């Protein structure tokens, strides 16, 4: 686990251990086309953050996000394709919105999950 201050980066192996101990919300922030292409980690919540142009609507994201993550203390894991988008989102949620247990999947779904031979669902 790597600690970035506002959030922590965990490996797929660490995520699997956490999931066995106590289920944790997985928030997949990729776009619809990416979910269709590679699938998602089973039981992930699909909440797009950036669109294809790199734009985002924080109010729309937070409206969907707060339906899943209901307290500032509730732990959750952010997932994107390569762990590039999750870093600014993790910083935003940890620093500006004061969520206390923000994690990201190191390497994202492509380089942190699927390349380890772990399954996704479509």
C-alpha atoms as a PDB file:
ATOM      1  CA  UNK A   1       0.000   0.000   0.000  1.00  0.00           C
ATOM      2  CA  UNK A   2       1.269   3.449  -0.909  1.00  0.00           C
ATOM      3  CA  UNK A   3       0.009   6.458   1.006  1.00  0.00           C
ATOM      4  CA  UNK A   4      -0.514   9.627  -1.042  1.00  0.00           C
ATOM      5  CA  UNK A   5      -1.917  11.566   1.919  1.00  0.00           C
ATOM      6  CA  UNK A   6      -5.406  12.249   0.555  1.00  0.00           C
ATOM      7  CA  UNK A   7      -5.770   8.625  -0.569  1.00  0.00           C
ATOM      8  CA  UNK A   8      -3.974   5.275  -0.525  1.00  0.00           C
ATOM      9  CA  UNK A   9      -3.062   3.099  -3.475  1.00  0.00           C
ATOM     10  CA  UNK A  10      -3.605  -0.638  -3.002  1.00  0.00           C
ATOM     11  CA  UNK A  11      -2.837  -3.669  -5.140  1.00  0.00           C
ATOM     12  CA  UNK A  12      -5.362  -6.178  -6.421  1.00  0.00           C
ATOM     13  CA  UNK A  13      -4.060  -8.663  -3.860  1.00  0.00           C
ATOM     14  CA  UNK A  14      -4.670  -6.188  -1.040  1.00  0.00           C
ATOM     15  CA  UNK A  15      -8.158  -5.480  -2.394  1.00  0.00           C
ATOM     16  CA  UNK A  16      -8.995  -9.190  -2.406  1.00  0.00           C
ATOM     17  CA  UNK A  17      -7.883  -9.507   1.234  1.00  0.00           C
ATOM     18  CA  UNK A  18      -9.937  -6.451   2.232  1.00  0.00           C
ATOM     19  CA  UNK A  19     -12.978  -7.831   0.400  1.00  0.00           C
ATOM     20  CA  UNK A  20     -12.731 -11.098   2.355  1.00  0.00           C
ATOM     21  CA  UNK A  21     -12.536  -9.274   5.695  1.00  0.00           C
ATOM     22  CA  UNK A  22     -15.329  -6.796   5.063  1.00  0.00           C
ATOM     23  CA  UNK A  23     -16.877  -5.842   1.734  1.00  0.00           C
ATOM     24  CA  UNK A  24     -15.841  -2.390   0.570  1.00  0.00           C
ATOM     25  CA  UNK A  25     -17.483  -0.241  -2.102  1.00  0.00           C
ATOM     26  CA  UNK A  26     -15.677  -0.244  -5.435  1.00  0.00           C
ATOM     27  CA  UNK A  27     -16.383   2.859  -7.527  1.00  0.00           C
ATOM     28  CA  UNK A  28     -15.509   2.457 -11.225  1.00  0.00           C
ATOM     29  CA  UNK A  29     -15.113   5.997 -12.578  1.00  0.00           C
ATOM     30  CA  UNK A  30     -14.531   5.060 -16.222  1.00  0.00           C
ATOM     31  CA  UNK A  31     -16.851   5.816 -19.125  1.00  0.00           C
ATOM     32  CA  UNK A  32     -19.622   3.541 -20.427  1.00  0.00           C
ATOM     33  CA  UNK A  33     -17.578   2.551 -23.497  1.00  0.00           C
ATOM     34  CA  UNK A  34     -14.741   1.401 -21.233  1.00  0.00           C
ATOM     35  CA  UNK A  35     -17.060  -0.690 -19.064  1.00  0.00           C
ATOM     36  CA  UNK A  36     -18.397  -2.373 -22.193  1.00  0.00           C
ATOM     37  CA  UNK A  37     -14.912  -2.996 -23.567  1.00  0.00           C
ATOM     38  CA  UNK A  38     -13.204  -4.541 -20.534  1.00  0.00           C
ATOM     39  CA  UNK A  39     -16.004  -5.206 -18.065  1.00  0.00           C
ATOM     40  CA  UNK A  40     -15.928  -4.218 -14.395  1.00  0.00           C
ATOM     41  CA  UNK A  41     -14.815  -5.798 -11.143  1.00  0.00           C
ATOM     42  CA  UNK A  42     -17.811  -7.722  -9.873  1.00  0.00           C
ATOM     43  CA  UNK A  43     -20.173  -5.642  -7.701  1.00  0.00           C
ATOM     44  CA  UNK A  44     -18.541  -2.342  -8.685  1.00  0.00           C
ATOM     45  CA  UNK A  45     -20.635   0.800  -8.710  1.00  0.00           C
ATOM     46  CA  UNK A  46     -20.377   2.500 -12.104  1.00  0.00           C
ATOM     47  CA  UNK A  47     -20.139   6.278 -11.657  1.00  0.00           C
ATOM     48  CA  UNK A  48     -18.432   8.067 -14.555  1.00  0.00           C
ATOM     49  CA  UNK A  49     -16.302  11.066 -13.628  1.00  0.00           C
ATOM     50  CA  UNK A  50     -14.578  12.357 -16.794  1.00  0.00           C
ATOM     51  CA  UNK A  51     -16.218  12.299 -20.228  1.00  0.00           C
ATOM     52  CA  UNK A  52     -14.331  11.525 -23.465  1.00  0.00           C
ATOM     53  CA  UNK A  53     -13.182  15.155 -23.680  1.00  0.00           C
ATOM     54  CA  UNK A  54     -11.814  15.164 -20.126  1.00  0.00           C
ATOM     55  CA  UNK A  55     -14.626  17.337 -18.818  1.00  0.00           C
ATOM     56  CA  UNK A  56     -16.583  16.532 -15.685  1.00  0.00           C
ATOM     57  CA  UNK A  57     -19.633  17.608 -13.728  1.00  0.00           C
ATOM     58  CA  UNK A  58     -18.731  17.372 -10.028  1.00  0.00           C
ATOM     59  CA  UNK A  59     -22.304  17.960  -8.878  1.00  0.00           C
ATOM     60  CA  UNK A  60     -23.613  15.104 -11.020  1.00  0.00           C
ATOM     61  CA  UNK A  61     -20.799  12.822  -9.856  1.00  0.00           C
ATOM     62  CA  UNK A  62     -21.323  13.667  -6.185  1.00  0.00           C
ATOM     63  CA  UNK A  63     -25.074  13.114  -6.461  1.00  0.00           C
ATOM     64  CA  UNK A  64     -24.499   9.521  -7.613  1.00  0.00           C
ATOM     65  CA  UNK A  65     -21.458   9.001  -5.371  1.00  0.00           C
ATOM     66  CA  UNK A  66     -23.228   9.998  -2.141  1.00  0.00           C
ATOM     67  CA  UNK A  67     -25.962   7.449  -2.809  1.00  0.00           C
ATOM     68  CA  UNK A  68     -23.286   4.751  -2.476  1.00  0.00           C
ATOM     69  CA  UNK A  69     -20.844   6.356  -0.034  1.00  0.00           C
ATOM     70  CA  UNK A  70     -23.112   7.678   2.690  1.00  0.00           C
ATOM     71  CA  UNK A  71     -20.597   8.857   5.322  1.00  0.00           C
ATOM     72  CA  UNK A  72     -17.196  10.558   5.256  1.00  0.00           C
ATOM     73  CA  UNK A  73     -15.753   7.576   7.159  1.00  0.00           C
ATOM     74  CA  UNK A  74     -16.998   4.817   4.822  1.00  0.00           C
ATOM     75  CA  UNK A  75     -14.051   3.252   2.964  1.00  0.00           C
ATOM     76  CA  UNK A  76     -14.175   2.929  -0.824  1.00  0.00           C
ATOM     77  CA  UNK A  77     -11.872   2.102  -3.709  1.00  0.00           C
ATOM     78  CA  UNK A  78     -11.695   4.112  -6.923  1.00  0.00           C
ATOM     79  CA  UNK A  79     -10.981   2.260 -10.166  1.00  0.00           C
ATOM     80  CA  UNK A  80     -10.178   3.581 -13.626  1.00  0.00           C
ATOM     81  CA  UNK A  81      -8.314   2.126 -16.602  1.00  0.00           C
ATOM     82  CA  UNK A  82      -4.678   2.786 -15.585  1.00  0.00           C
ATOM     83  CA  UNK A  83      -4.876   4.637 -12.222  1.00  0.00           C
ATOM     84  CA  UNK A  84      -4.412   8.033 -13.840  1.00  0.00           C
ATOM     85  CA  UNK A  85      -7.909   9.443 -13.339  1.00  0.00           C
ATOM     86  CA  UNK A  86      -8.266   8.041  -9.817  1.00  0.00           C
ATOM     87  CA  UNK A  87      -5.389  10.141  -8.499  1.00  0.00           C
ATOM     88  CA  UNK A  88      -6.988  13.589  -9.021  1.00  0.00           C
ATOM     89  CA  UNK A  89     -10.381  12.193  -8.002  1.00  0.00           C
ATOM     90  CA  UNK A  90      -8.861  10.690  -4.838  1.00  0.00           C
ATOM     91  CA  UNK A  91      -7.198  13.996  -3.994  1.00  0.00           C
ATOM     92  CA  UNK A  92     -10.444  15.892  -4.580  1.00  0.00           C
ATOM     93  CA  UNK A  93     -12.488  13.534  -2.397  1.00  0.00           C
ATOM     94  CA  UNK A  94      -9.855  13.317   0.337  1.00  0.00           C
ATOM     95  CA  UNK A  95      -8.693  16.919   0.507  1.00  0.00           C
ATOM     96  CA  UNK A  96     -11.647  19.041  -0.593  1.00  0.00           C
ATOM     97  CA  UNK A  97     -14.565  16.821   0.386  1.00  0.00           C
ATOM     98  CA  UNK A  98     -12.832  15.379   3.486  1.00  0.00           C
ATOM     99  CA  UNK A  99     -13.519  11.678   2.904  1.00  0.00           C
ATOM    100  CA  UNK A 100     -11.269   9.766   5.300  1.00  0.00           C
ATOM    101  CA  UNK A 101     -10.828   6.313   3.740  1.00  0.00           C
ATOM    102  CA  UNK A 102     -10.144   6.853   0.049  1.00  0.00           C
ATOM    103  CA  UNK A 103      -8.301   4.133  -1.871  1.00  0.00           C
ATOM    104  CA  UNK A 104      -7.422   3.580  -5.518  1.00  0.00           C
ATOM    105  CA  UNK A 105      -6.565   0.373  -7.343  1.00  0.00           C
ATOM    106  CA  UNK A 106      -2.882   0.607  -8.254  1.00  0.00           C
ATOM    107  CA  UNK A 107      -2.525   0.195 -12.022  1.00  0.00           C
ATOM    108  CA  UNK A 108      -6.266   0.436 -12.600  1.00  0.00           C
ATOM    109  CA  UNK A 109      -8.380  -2.267 -14.154  1.00  0.00           C
ATOM    110  CA  UNK A 110      -5.943  -2.861 -17.026  1.00  0.00           C
ATOM    111  CA  UNK A 111      -2.553  -2.930 -15.263  1.00  0.00           C
ATOM    112  CA  UNK A 112      -3.646  -3.730 -11.739  1.00  0.00           C
ATOM    113  CA  UNK A 113      -6.442  -6.274 -12.211  1.00  0.00           C
ATOM    114  CA  UNK A 114      -6.868  -7.857 -15.643  1.00  0.00           C
ATOM    115  CA  UNK A 115      -3.128  -8.271 -16.249  1.00  0.00           C
ATOM    116  CA  UNK A 116      -3.030 -10.309 -13.009  1.00  0.00           C
ATOM    117  CA  UNK A 117      -5.502 -12.755 -14.562  1.00  0.00           C
ATOM    118  CA  UNK A 118      -8.397 -11.543 -12.399  1.00  0.00           C
ATOM    119  CA  UNK A 119     -11.886 -11.650 -13.870  1.00  0.00           C
ATOM    120  CA  UNK A 120     -14.229  -8.850 -14.819  1.00  0.00           C
ATOM    121  CA  UNK A 121     -17.937  -9.042 -15.588  1.00  0.00           C
ATOM    122  CA  UNK A 122     -19.775  -7.306 -18.407  1.00  0.00           C
END
